[in-house]
């Protein structure tokens, strides 16, 4: 059986998304970027590489994001973002599968 993170990543694999700016969780730009990468199913090491920061800094941003979203795991953060409409799913176009909308 797959882990919950893999199931969530698989569920959104045919979609792309953008974060809504009207969300009242006051996430920083780094936390928003981190959330986008989590939704894509990236592990901490790949997130650190993509953001150009250390794994410890990724952990720091994760902890802050967990407090703001009132969750305890990456999976809960992704689910909350999807359930509360913090993320808008949009059908991906084949020619531009990895594009992000918004900031």
C-alpha atoms as a PDB file:
ATOM      1  CA  UNK A   1       0.000   0.000   0.000  1.00  0.00           C
ATOM      2  CA  UNK A   2       1.295   3.479  -0.875  1.00  0.00           C
ATOM      3  CA  UNK A   3       1.944   6.084   1.778  1.00  0.00           C
ATOM      4  CA  UNK A   4      -0.620   8.932   2.082  1.00  0.00           C
ATOM      5  CA  UNK A   5       1.769  11.457   0.484  1.00  0.00           C
ATOM      6  CA  UNK A   6       2.063   9.270  -2.619  1.00  0.00           C
ATOM      7  CA  UNK A   7      -1.726   8.883  -2.813  1.00  0.00           C
ATOM      8  CA  UNK A   8      -2.255  12.646  -2.634  1.00  0.00           C
ATOM      9  CA  UNK A   9       0.482  13.263  -5.215  1.00  0.00           C
ATOM     10  CA  UNK A  10      -1.089  10.647  -7.497  1.00  0.00           C
ATOM     11  CA  UNK A  11      -4.525  12.224  -7.086  1.00  0.00           C
ATOM     12  CA  UNK A  12      -3.273  15.584  -8.364  1.00  0.00           C
ATOM     13  CA  UNK A  13      -0.835  14.205 -10.953  1.00  0.00           C
ATOM     14  CA  UNK A  14      -3.174  15.082 -13.826  1.00  0.00           C
ATOM     15  CA  UNK A  15      -3.662  18.631 -12.611  1.00  0.00           C
ATOM     16  CA  UNK A  16      -1.738  21.758 -11.961  1.00  0.00           C
ATOM     17  CA  UNK A  17      -2.733  24.322  -9.390  1.00  0.00           C
ATOM     18  CA  UNK A  18      -2.303  27.822  -8.067  1.00  0.00           C
ATOM     19  CA  UNK A  19      -2.525  29.174  -4.556  1.00  0.00           C
ATOM     20  CA  UNK A  20      -5.339  31.569  -3.786  1.00  0.00           C
ATOM     21  CA  UNK A  21      -4.129  34.921  -2.564  1.00  0.00           C
ATOM     22  CA  UNK A  22      -7.238  35.455  -0.437  1.00  0.00           C
ATOM     23  CA  UNK A  23      -6.344  32.700   2.039  1.00  0.00           C
ATOM     24  CA  UNK A  24      -6.192  34.050   5.580  1.00  0.00           C
ATOM     25  CA  UNK A  25      -3.340  31.875   6.856  1.00  0.00           C
ATOM     26  CA  UNK A  26      -0.684  34.528   6.176  1.00  0.00           C
ATOM     27  CA  UNK A  27       1.771  32.134   4.581  1.00  0.00           C
ATOM     28  CA  UNK A  28       5.074  33.664   3.532  1.00  0.00           C
ATOM     29  CA  UNK A  29       6.205  33.393  -0.115  1.00  0.00           C
ATOM     30  CA  UNK A  30       8.638  30.642   0.959  1.00  0.00           C
ATOM     31  CA  UNK A  31       5.838  28.711   2.702  1.00  0.00           C
ATOM     32  CA  UNK A  32       3.608  29.044  -0.377  1.00  0.00           C
ATOM     33  CA  UNK A  33       6.413  27.746  -2.602  1.00  0.00           C
ATOM     34  CA  UNK A  34       6.988  24.888  -0.159  1.00  0.00           C
ATOM     35  CA  UNK A  35       3.272  24.020  -0.217  1.00  0.00           C
ATOM     36  CA  UNK A  36       3.306  23.894  -4.031  1.00  0.00           C
ATOM     37  CA  UNK A  37       6.249  21.491  -3.935  1.00  0.00           C
ATOM     38  CA  UNK A  38       4.573  19.334  -1.273  1.00  0.00           C
ATOM     39  CA  UNK A  39       1.455  19.039  -3.413  1.00  0.00           C
ATOM     40  CA  UNK A  40       3.695  17.822  -6.225  1.00  0.00           C
ATOM     41  CA  UNK A  41       4.927  15.101  -3.848  1.00  0.00           C
ATOM     42  CA  UNK A  42       8.539  16.232  -3.518  1.00  0.00           C
ATOM     43  CA  UNK A  43      10.558  14.990  -0.507  1.00  0.00           C
ATOM     44  CA  UNK A  44      12.402  17.434   1.779  1.00  0.00           C
ATOM     45  CA  UNK A  45      15.737  16.947   0.007  1.00  0.00           C
ATOM     46  CA  UNK A  46      14.286  17.814  -3.406  1.00  0.00           C
ATOM     47  CA  UNK A  47      12.362  20.755  -1.912  1.00  0.00           C
ATOM     48  CA  UNK A  48      15.629  22.077  -0.442  1.00  0.00           C
ATOM     49  CA  UNK A  49      17.340  21.794  -3.833  1.00  0.00           C
ATOM     50  CA  UNK A  50      14.442  23.430  -5.689  1.00  0.00           C
ATOM     51  CA  UNK A  51      14.278  26.325  -3.216  1.00  0.00           C
ATOM     52  CA  UNK A  52      18.064  26.695  -2.921  1.00  0.00           C
ATOM     53  CA  UNK A  53      18.002  26.261   0.865  1.00  0.00           C
ATOM     54  CA  UNK A  54      19.180  23.659   3.390  1.00  0.00           C
ATOM     55  CA  UNK A  55      17.062  20.772   4.626  1.00  0.00           C
ATOM     56  CA  UNK A  56      17.110  22.412   8.077  1.00  0.00           C
ATOM     57  CA  UNK A  57      15.603  25.567   6.582  1.00  0.00           C
ATOM     58  CA  UNK A  58      12.928  23.470   4.863  1.00  0.00           C
ATOM     59  CA  UNK A  59      12.112  21.953   8.283  1.00  0.00           C
ATOM     60  CA  UNK A  60      11.925  25.458   9.778  1.00  0.00           C
ATOM     61  CA  UNK A  61       9.448  26.605   7.095  1.00  0.00           C
ATOM     62  CA  UNK A  62       7.445  23.365   7.483  1.00  0.00           C
ATOM     63  CA  UNK A  63       7.074  23.859  11.243  1.00  0.00           C
ATOM     64  CA  UNK A  64       5.922  27.453  10.761  1.00  0.00           C
ATOM     65  CA  UNK A  65       3.469  26.397   8.054  1.00  0.00           C
ATOM     66  CA  UNK A  66       2.090  23.595  10.273  1.00  0.00           C
ATOM     67  CA  UNK A  67       1.391  26.097  13.049  1.00  0.00           C
ATOM     68  CA  UNK A  68      -0.335  28.533  10.674  1.00  0.00           C
ATOM     69  CA  UNK A  69      -2.431  25.808   9.020  1.00  0.00           C
ATOM     70  CA  UNK A  70      -3.006  24.011  12.355  1.00  0.00           C
ATOM     71  CA  UNK A  71      -1.796  20.638  11.027  1.00  0.00           C
ATOM     72  CA  UNK A  72       0.827  18.094  12.091  1.00  0.00           C
ATOM     73  CA  UNK A  73       2.171  16.606   8.849  1.00  0.00           C
ATOM     74  CA  UNK A  74       2.880  17.247   5.185  1.00  0.00           C
ATOM     75  CA  UNK A  75      -0.105  15.127   4.229  1.00  0.00           C
ATOM     76  CA  UNK A  76      -2.439  17.111   6.493  1.00  0.00           C
ATOM     77  CA  UNK A  77      -1.090  20.374   5.033  1.00  0.00           C
ATOM     78  CA  UNK A  78      -1.770  19.210   1.464  1.00  0.00           C
ATOM     79  CA  UNK A  79      -5.232  17.885   2.332  1.00  0.00           C
ATOM     80  CA  UNK A  80      -6.162  21.089   4.171  1.00  0.00           C
ATOM     81  CA  UNK A  81      -4.953  23.203   1.252  1.00  0.00           C
ATOM     82  CA  UNK A  82      -7.103  21.178  -1.145  1.00  0.00           C
ATOM     83  CA  UNK A  83     -10.180  20.941   1.110  1.00  0.00           C
ATOM     84  CA  UNK A  84     -10.251  24.616   2.089  1.00  0.00           C
ATOM     85  CA  UNK A  85      -9.655  25.884  -1.414  1.00  0.00           C
ATOM     86  CA  UNK A  86      -6.201  27.312  -0.696  1.00  0.00           C
ATOM     87  CA  UNK A  87      -5.187  25.582  -3.902  1.00  0.00           C
ATOM     88  CA  UNK A  88      -7.175  25.685  -7.108  1.00  0.00           C
ATOM     89  CA  UNK A  89      -6.747  22.619  -9.318  1.00  0.00           C
ATOM     90  CA  UNK A  90      -6.675  23.248 -13.062  1.00  0.00           C
ATOM     91  CA  UNK A  91      -6.433  20.646 -15.840  1.00  0.00           C
ATOM     92  CA  UNK A  92      -2.863  20.444 -17.133  1.00  0.00           C
ATOM     93  CA  UNK A  93      -2.078  20.951 -20.760  1.00  0.00           C
ATOM     94  CA  UNK A  94       0.235  18.287 -22.148  1.00  0.00           C
ATOM     95  CA  UNK A  95       2.733  20.742 -23.627  1.00  0.00           C
ATOM     96  CA  UNK A  96       3.212  22.587 -20.338  1.00  0.00           C
ATOM     97  CA  UNK A  97       2.809  19.924 -17.626  1.00  0.00           C
ATOM     98  CA  UNK A  98       5.040  21.485 -14.986  1.00  0.00           C
ATOM     99  CA  UNK A  99       3.889  25.091 -15.186  1.00  0.00           C
ATOM    100  CA  UNK A 100       2.658  26.856 -12.077  1.00  0.00           C
ATOM    101  CA  UNK A 101      -0.014  29.530 -12.217  1.00  0.00           C
ATOM    102  CA  UNK A 102       0.131  32.583 -10.013  1.00  0.00           C
ATOM    103  CA  UNK A 103       3.181  33.640  -8.057  1.00  0.00           C
END
